[in-house]
Amino acid sequence: CVDCDYVFGDFEDEFGLCPECGEQQPSSGSWATEEMASIEALEKDGSFAEAVGVAMELLYMATDIEYGDWPFAHKLADIVRRLCDAGDLEQESKEHESLWEMIEANQMGGSQERAEAYERWLKSRED
């Protein structure tokens, strides 16, 4: 919870009211409004590769194992696919699909080895 630090369970509505204190939680993706505006501006300018780069950085944050914003992550995945198609970005598209497959495997109860591979992959992107 943004107010009382209550930790939502797997099946609770983390964007609704906090069951502990009643505080309305921020909506999915509300933490990235500036970045989303940047993606839209880059897309309008035809800078598809740069827009994909910004969207992928947001996707890494939205899929963080502890603080994930999964509804926003799915929206970002659709945006990245659309931008890759619009800009004919084959390499970026392959990279995104590889990442998304790993995310889905981890969500479906992936092994510790898969989780560690995902963490290594994220660290390699930072270099």
Protein backbone atom coordinates (compact mmCIF):
# COMPACT_ATOMS: atom_id res chain seq x y z
CA CYS A 1 0.00 0.00 0.00
CA VAL A 2 1.23 3.50 -0.77
CA ASP A 3 0.05 4.63 2.65
CA CYS A 4 0.46 1.82 5.20
CA ASP A 5 2.94 -0.53 3.41
CA TYR A 6 0.44 -3.41 3.34
CA VAL A 7 1.70 -6.10 0.95
CA PHE A 8 -1.01 -7.32 -1.45
CA GLY A 9 -1.39 -11.06 -1.97
CA ASP A 10 -1.35 -12.81 -5.33
CA PHE A 11 -5.08 -12.53 -5.95
CA GLU A 12 -5.81 -9.14 -4.39
CA ASP A 13 -6.60 -6.02 -6.40
CA GLU A 14 -3.37 -4.07 -5.92
CA PHE A 15 -4.86 -1.10 -7.83
CA GLY A 16 -8.06 -0.89 -5.77
CA LEU A 17 -8.59 -0.01 -2.13
CA CYS A 18 -6.15 -1.23 0.48
CA PRO A 19 -7.89 -3.82 2.67
CA GLU A 20 -5.85 -2.64 5.67
CA CYS A 21 -6.31 1.16 5.64
CA GLY A 22 -8.77 1.78 2.77
CA GLU A 23 -6.39 4.01 0.76
CA GLN A 24 -7.02 4.05 -3.01
CA GLN A 25 -3.93 2.68 -4.77
CA PRO A 26 -2.50 4.35 -7.89
CA SER A 27 -3.70 2.93 -11.19
CA SER A 28 -1.57 0.52 -13.20
CA GLY A 29 1.11 2.38 -15.14
CA SER A 30 0.48 5.71 -13.41
CA TRP A 31 4.11 5.75 -12.29
CA ALA A 32 5.30 6.05 -15.91
CA THR A 33 3.21 8.85 -17.43
CA GLU A 34 6.24 10.93 -18.49
CA GLU A 35 7.92 7.95 -20.13
CA MET A 36 4.71 7.00 -21.96
CA ALA A 37 4.46 10.56 -23.31
CA SER A 38 8.08 10.22 -24.46
CA ILE A 39 7.27 6.97 -26.28
CA GLU A 40 4.34 8.64 -28.05
CA ALA A 41 6.50 11.61 -29.10
CA LEU A 42 9.27 9.35 -30.39
CA GLU A 43 6.75 7.29 -32.34
CA LYS A 44 5.27 10.44 -33.93
CA ASP A 45 8.79 11.48 -34.96
CA GLY A 46 9.38 8.07 -36.53
CA SER A 47 12.09 7.21 -33.98
CA PHE A 48 10.84 3.67 -33.50
CA ALA A 49 14.09 2.17 -32.20
CA GLU A 50 14.37 4.85 -29.50
CA ALA A 51 10.70 4.40 -28.57
CA VAL A 52 11.24 0.65 -28.25
CA GLY A 53 14.26 1.32 -26.02
CA VAL A 54 12.20 3.45 -23.63
CA ALA A 55 9.34 0.94 -23.65
CA MET A 56 11.73 -1.95 -22.92
CA GLU A 57 13.22 -0.08 -19.94
CA LEU A 58 9.70 0.38 -18.59
CA LEU A 59 8.97 -3.29 -19.25
CA TYR A 60 11.96 -4.30 -17.10
CA MET A 61 10.56 -2.21 -14.25
CA ALA A 62 6.98 -3.41 -14.77
CA THR A 63 8.10 -7.06 -14.58
CA ASP A 64 10.23 -6.68 -11.48
CA ILE A 65 9.70 -9.85 -9.46
CA GLU A 66 8.85 -8.02 -6.22
CA TYR A 67 7.11 -4.85 -7.45
CA GLY A 68 5.67 -5.93 -10.81
CA ASP A 69 2.87 -4.03 -12.51
CA TRP A 70 1.58 -6.88 -14.67
CA PRO A 71 -1.36 -5.14 -16.36
CA PHE A 72 1.03 -2.38 -17.45
CA ALA A 73 3.64 -4.96 -18.52
CA HIS A 74 1.13 -6.56 -20.89
CA LYS A 75 0.23 -3.14 -22.30
CA LEU A 76 3.94 -2.40 -22.82
CA ALA A 77 4.46 -5.75 -24.54
CA ASP A 78 1.75 -4.81 -27.04
CA ILE A 79 3.31 -1.37 -27.55
CA VAL A 80 6.76 -2.86 -28.17
CA ARG A 81 5.35 -5.32 -30.71
CA ARG A 82 3.47 -2.53 -32.50
CA LEU A 83 6.55 -0.28 -32.59
CA CYS A 84 8.78 -3.10 -33.84
CA ASP A 85 6.31 -3.82 -36.64
CA ALA A 86 5.93 -0.14 -37.54
CA GLY A 87 9.71 0.41 -37.61
CA ASP A 88 10.57 -2.97 -39.15
CA LEU A 89 12.83 -3.63 -36.15
CA GLU A 90 13.60 -7.32 -36.50
CA GLN A 91 16.42 -7.57 -33.93
CA GLU A 92 14.50 -5.63 -31.27
CA SER A 93 11.44 -7.77 -31.93
CA LYS A 94 13.43 -10.99 -31.43
CA GLU A 95 14.97 -9.63 -28.22
CA HIS A 96 11.55 -8.64 -26.88
CA GLU A 97 9.94 -11.99 -27.70
CA SER A 98 12.83 -13.83 -26.04
CA LEU A 99 12.42 -11.73 -22.90
CA TRP A 100 8.64 -12.15 -22.92
CA GLU A 101 8.94 -15.96 -23.20
CA MET A 102 11.24 -15.95 -20.18
CA ILE A 103 8.83 -13.73 -18.22
CA GLU A 104 5.88 -15.99 -19.03
CA ALA A 105 7.84 -19.10 -18.03
CA ASN A 106 8.72 -17.49 -14.70
CA GLN A 107 5.10 -16.44 -14.13
CA MET A 108 3.96 -20.00 -14.75
CA GLY A 109 6.19 -21.28 -11.93
CA GLY A 110 9.53 -21.31 -13.69
CA SER A 111 12.45 -22.96 -11.99
CA GLN A 112 15.10 -21.17 -9.95
CA GLU A 113 17.43 -21.65 -12.90
CA ARG A 114 15.01 -19.70 -15.16
CA ALA A 115 14.69 -16.93 -12.56
CA GLU A 116 18.49 -16.68 -12.32
CA ALA A 117 18.76 -16.62 -16.14
CA TYR A 118 16.26 -13.76 -16.20
CA GLU A 119 18.28 -11.83 -13.58
CA ARG A 120 21.51 -12.39 -15.57
CA TRP A 121 19.77 -11.20 -18.72
CA LEU A 122 18.58 -8.03 -16.98
CA LYS A 123 22.08 -7.34 -15.65
CA SER A 124 23.57 -7.80 -19.13
CA ARG A 125 21.21 -5.10 -20.42
CA GLU A 126 22.56 -2.64 -17.84
CA ASP A 127 26.15 -2.90 -19.13
